[in-house]
N, C-alpha and C. Protein backbone atom coordinates (compact mmCIF):
# COMPACT_ATOMS: atom_id res chain seq x y z
N MET A 1 -13.41 12.46 10.31
CA MET A 1 -13.95 11.45 11.18
C MET A 1 -15.40 11.77 11.59
N ARG A 2 -15.63 13.07 11.86
CA ARG A 2 -16.99 13.45 12.21
C ARG A 2 -18.00 13.19 11.17
N ALA A 3 -17.54 13.51 9.87
CA ALA A 3 -18.44 13.20 8.72
C ALA A 3 -18.75 11.73 8.59
N ALA A 4 -17.72 10.93 8.79
CA ALA A 4 -17.91 9.46 8.65
C ALA A 4 -18.84 9.06 9.76
N TYR A 5 -18.60 9.52 10.93
CA TYR A 5 -19.51 9.21 12.10
C TYR A 5 -20.88 9.54 11.82
N ARG A 6 -21.15 10.76 11.32
CA ARG A 6 -22.49 11.22 11.06
C ARG A 6 -23.15 10.43 9.92
N THR A 7 -22.41 10.10 8.99
CA THR A 7 -22.93 9.22 7.88
C THR A 7 -23.36 7.88 8.43
N PHE A 8 -22.54 7.25 9.26
CA PHE A 8 -22.87 5.94 9.78
C PHE A 8 -24.06 6.01 10.69
N THR A 9 -24.22 7.11 11.46
CA THR A 9 -25.42 7.25 12.40
C THR A 9 -26.69 7.45 11.57
N ALA A 10 -26.58 7.90 10.30
CA ALA A 10 -27.80 8.07 9.51
C ALA A 10 -28.22 6.70 9.00
N VAL A 11 -27.44 5.78 9.10
CA VAL A 11 -27.80 4.42 8.55
C VAL A 11 -27.99 3.33 9.62
N PHE A 12 -27.07 3.34 10.60
CA PHE A 12 -27.07 2.31 11.64
C PHE A 12 -27.68 2.80 12.98
N PRO A 13 -28.42 1.98 13.62
CA PRO A 13 -28.97 2.42 14.91
C PRO A 13 -28.00 2.62 16.08
N GLN A 14 -26.78 1.99 15.97
CA GLN A 14 -25.73 2.10 16.97
C GLN A 14 -24.41 2.39 16.29
N VAL A 15 -23.72 3.41 16.69
CA VAL A 15 -22.42 3.64 16.14
C VAL A 15 -21.49 4.05 17.32
N TYR A 16 -20.29 3.47 17.41
CA TYR A 16 -19.42 3.74 18.53
C TYR A 16 -18.01 4.02 18.01
N LEU A 17 -17.31 4.86 18.73
CA LEU A 17 -15.88 5.20 18.41
C LEU A 17 -15.02 4.71 19.49
N PHE A 18 -13.85 4.24 19.10
CA PHE A 18 -12.89 3.69 20.05
C PHE A 18 -11.54 4.30 19.69
N PRO A 19 -11.08 5.39 20.31
CA PRO A 19 -9.75 5.92 20.05
C PRO A 19 -8.71 4.88 20.59
N VAL A 20 -7.68 4.68 19.74
CA VAL A 20 -6.72 3.58 20.10
C VAL A 20 -5.68 3.97 21.05
N ALA A 21 -5.07 5.14 20.86
CA ALA A 21 -3.94 5.57 21.71
C ALA A 21 -4.23 6.30 23.01
N ALA A 22 -5.00 7.37 22.75
CA ALA A 22 -5.33 8.23 23.93
C ALA A 22 -6.77 8.51 23.98
N PRO A 23 -7.54 7.65 24.72
CA PRO A 23 -9.02 7.63 24.70
C PRO A 23 -9.65 8.91 25.30
N ASP A 24 -8.80 9.72 26.09
CA ASP A 24 -9.42 10.87 26.70
C ASP A 24 -8.97 12.11 26.05
N ASP A 25 -8.19 12.07 24.95
CA ASP A 25 -7.62 13.33 24.32
C ASP A 25 -8.14 13.42 22.96
N PRO A 26 -9.18 14.27 22.73
CA PRO A 26 -9.68 14.41 21.33
C PRO A 26 -8.77 15.21 20.44
N GLN A 27 -7.73 15.75 20.89
CA GLN A 27 -6.76 16.51 20.11
C GLN A 27 -5.64 15.69 19.65
N CYS A 28 -5.48 14.48 20.18
CA CYS A 28 -4.37 13.54 19.87
C CYS A 28 -4.59 12.93 18.50
N TRP A 29 -3.58 13.05 17.60
CA TRP A 29 -3.63 12.35 16.34
C TRP A 29 -3.48 10.81 16.58
N GLN A 30 -4.44 10.08 16.22
CA GLN A 30 -4.47 8.62 16.49
C GLN A 30 -5.42 7.91 15.59
N ASN A 31 -5.33 6.61 15.54
CA ASN A 31 -6.35 5.84 14.83
C ASN A 31 -7.59 5.74 15.69
N ILE A 32 -8.73 5.74 15.10
CA ILE A 32 -10.03 5.60 15.76
C ILE A 32 -10.82 4.47 15.03
N MET A 33 -11.20 3.50 15.87
CA MET A 33 -12.07 2.42 15.29
C MET A 33 -13.45 2.88 15.35
N LEU A 34 -14.19 2.75 14.26
CA LEU A 34 -15.69 3.06 14.25
C LEU A 34 -16.31 1.73 14.11
N VAL A 35 -17.35 1.49 15.00
CA VAL A 35 -18.05 0.20 15.03
C VAL A 35 -19.55 0.63 14.86
N ALA A 36 -20.13 0.02 13.78
CA ALA A 36 -21.57 0.27 13.53
C ALA A 36 -22.32 -1.06 13.62
N LEU A 37 -23.47 -1.04 14.34
CA LEU A 37 -24.24 -2.24 14.61
C LEU A 37 -25.61 -2.06 14.01
N LYS A 38 -26.15 -3.15 13.44
CA LYS A 38 -27.49 -3.21 12.94
C LYS A 38 -28.51 -3.40 14.05
N THR A 39 -28.16 -3.96 15.10
CA THR A 39 -29.05 -4.27 16.20
C THR A 39 -29.29 -3.08 17.08
N THR A 40 -30.39 -3.01 17.73
CA THR A 40 -30.63 -1.96 18.76
C THR A 40 -30.27 -2.40 20.16
N THR A 41 -29.92 -3.68 20.35
CA THR A 41 -29.49 -4.17 21.66
C THR A 41 -28.03 -3.68 21.89
N GLU A 42 -27.85 -2.98 22.95
CA GLU A 42 -26.46 -2.53 23.24
C GLU A 42 -25.62 -3.68 23.70
N PRO A 43 -24.40 -3.74 23.18
CA PRO A 43 -23.43 -4.74 23.53
C PRO A 43 -22.89 -4.58 24.99
N THR A 44 -22.36 -5.71 25.52
CA THR A 44 -21.86 -5.55 26.91
C THR A 44 -20.43 -4.89 26.96
N TRP A 45 -19.75 -4.88 25.84
CA TRP A 45 -18.41 -4.34 25.76
C TRP A 45 -17.41 -4.96 26.80
N ARG A 46 -17.54 -6.27 26.88
CA ARG A 46 -16.65 -7.08 27.76
C ARG A 46 -15.94 -8.16 26.88
N SER A 47 -14.74 -8.52 27.29
CA SER A 47 -14.08 -9.55 26.59
C SER A 47 -13.18 -10.29 27.57
N PRO A 48 -13.02 -11.63 27.44
CA PRO A 48 -12.11 -12.32 28.32
C PRO A 48 -10.60 -12.04 27.96
N GLU A 49 -10.38 -11.53 26.69
CA GLU A 49 -9.04 -11.34 26.29
C GLU A 49 -8.63 -9.92 26.76
N ALA A 50 -7.48 -9.90 27.49
CA ALA A 50 -7.04 -8.65 28.20
C ALA A 50 -6.74 -7.51 27.18
N THR A 51 -6.13 -7.79 26.00
CA THR A 51 -5.83 -6.75 25.04
C THR A 51 -7.14 -6.09 24.54
N LEU A 52 -8.05 -7.00 24.15
CA LEU A 52 -9.38 -6.51 23.62
C LEU A 52 -10.10 -5.74 24.70
N GLU A 53 -10.11 -6.28 25.89
CA GLU A 53 -10.75 -5.54 27.03
C GLU A 53 -10.25 -4.15 27.29
N ARG A 54 -8.91 -3.96 27.11
CA ARG A 54 -8.32 -2.68 27.28
C ARG A 54 -8.80 -1.71 26.18
N LEU A 55 -8.86 -2.17 24.96
CA LEU A 55 -9.36 -1.35 23.84
C LEU A 55 -10.81 -1.06 23.98
N LEU A 56 -11.69 -2.02 24.46
CA LEU A 56 -13.10 -1.77 24.66
C LEU A 56 -13.27 -0.68 25.73
N ALA A 57 -12.38 -0.59 26.65
CA ALA A 57 -12.46 0.48 27.71
C ALA A 57 -12.27 1.84 27.15
N HIS A 58 -11.74 1.90 25.94
CA HIS A 58 -11.53 3.21 25.22
C HIS A 58 -12.73 3.82 24.60
N ARG A 59 -13.90 3.16 24.74
CA ARG A 59 -15.00 3.69 23.98
C ARG A 59 -15.30 5.15 24.30
N TRP A 60 -15.48 5.92 23.23
CA TRP A 60 -15.69 7.37 23.36
C TRP A 60 -17.12 7.57 23.81
N GLN A 61 -17.38 8.29 24.91
CA GLN A 61 -18.65 8.44 25.50
C GLN A 61 -19.08 9.90 25.52
N ARG A 62 -18.33 10.76 24.94
CA ARG A 62 -18.68 12.17 24.81
C ARG A 62 -19.49 12.43 23.56
N PRO A 63 -20.26 13.57 23.46
CA PRO A 63 -20.97 13.84 22.23
C PRO A 63 -19.97 14.12 21.11
N VAL A 64 -20.45 13.73 19.93
CA VAL A 64 -19.67 14.12 18.62
C VAL A 64 -20.39 15.18 17.92
N ALA A 65 -19.74 16.22 17.62
CA ALA A 65 -20.34 17.41 16.91
C ALA A 65 -20.94 16.88 15.56
N ASP A 66 -22.14 17.37 15.29
CA ASP A 66 -22.81 16.99 13.98
C ASP A 66 -22.82 18.18 13.06
N ASP A 67 -21.84 18.98 13.04
CA ASP A 67 -21.73 20.20 12.29
C ASP A 67 -21.15 20.00 10.87
N VAL A 68 -21.17 18.75 10.46
CA VAL A 68 -20.71 18.37 9.12
C VAL A 68 -21.75 17.65 8.29
N PRO A 69 -21.61 17.62 6.98
CA PRO A 69 -22.66 16.98 6.20
C PRO A 69 -22.52 15.48 6.21
N VAL A 70 -23.61 14.78 5.99
CA VAL A 70 -23.59 13.37 5.74
C VAL A 70 -22.91 13.11 4.38
N LEU A 71 -22.02 12.12 4.31
CA LEU A 71 -21.29 11.91 3.09
C LEU A 71 -22.24 11.11 2.16
N THR A 72 -22.13 11.41 0.86
CA THR A 72 -22.90 10.67 -0.08
C THR A 72 -21.94 10.27 -1.19
N ASP A 73 -22.54 9.45 -2.10
CA ASP A 73 -21.75 9.10 -3.37
C ASP A 73 -22.41 9.66 -4.58
N ASP A 74 -23.03 10.79 -4.42
CA ASP A 74 -23.75 11.49 -5.57
C ASP A 74 -22.78 11.80 -6.68
N PHE A 75 -21.47 12.08 -6.38
CA PHE A 75 -20.61 12.37 -7.52
C PHE A 75 -19.22 11.98 -7.00
N ALA A 76 -18.78 10.89 -7.50
CA ALA A 76 -17.40 10.41 -7.21
C ALA A 76 -16.44 11.11 -8.23
N PRO A 77 -15.14 11.33 -7.75
CA PRO A 77 -14.24 12.00 -8.69
C PRO A 77 -14.11 11.17 -10.01
N THR A 78 -14.21 9.93 -9.99
CA THR A 78 -14.07 9.06 -11.24
C THR A 78 -15.21 9.42 -12.19
N ASP A 79 -16.35 9.87 -11.70
CA ASP A 79 -17.44 10.26 -12.59
C ASP A 79 -17.09 11.39 -13.55
N HIS A 80 -16.20 12.31 -13.04
CA HIS A 80 -15.79 13.35 -13.96
C HIS A 80 -15.01 12.82 -15.15
N TYR A 81 -14.13 11.86 -14.91
CA TYR A 81 -13.36 11.36 -16.02
C TYR A 81 -14.20 10.53 -16.91
N THR A 82 -15.11 9.70 -16.34
CA THR A 82 -16.05 8.94 -17.11
C THR A 82 -16.91 9.83 -18.03
N ALA A 83 -17.33 10.93 -17.53
CA ALA A 83 -18.23 11.81 -18.32
C ALA A 83 -17.39 12.39 -19.48
N MET A 84 -16.15 12.58 -19.29
CA MET A 84 -15.33 13.14 -20.44
C MET A 84 -15.15 12.19 -21.52
N LEU A 85 -15.34 10.87 -21.39
CA LEU A 85 -15.18 9.89 -22.35
C LEU A 85 -16.46 9.70 -23.23
N GLN A 86 -17.56 10.20 -22.81
CA GLN A 86 -18.81 10.10 -23.46
C GLN A 86 -18.94 11.18 -24.48
């Protein structure tokens, strides 16, 4: 997750994480929604829909460690098999 987050922050001006189940527990195994925005205007993070409003309140606001590499597509595993055919 940290590598995906770091990769998105290298491309998009705004990247946010929303833990689904336990928003305050970084050790909990859970789904995490990653939202990347092209705009530099920060959203309001409000919704009239109660379910969505509850999930928006889960926005992760702590720092995310950047001790992992940015992901690239320099060499996909399928490239190995394609190279063998040539």
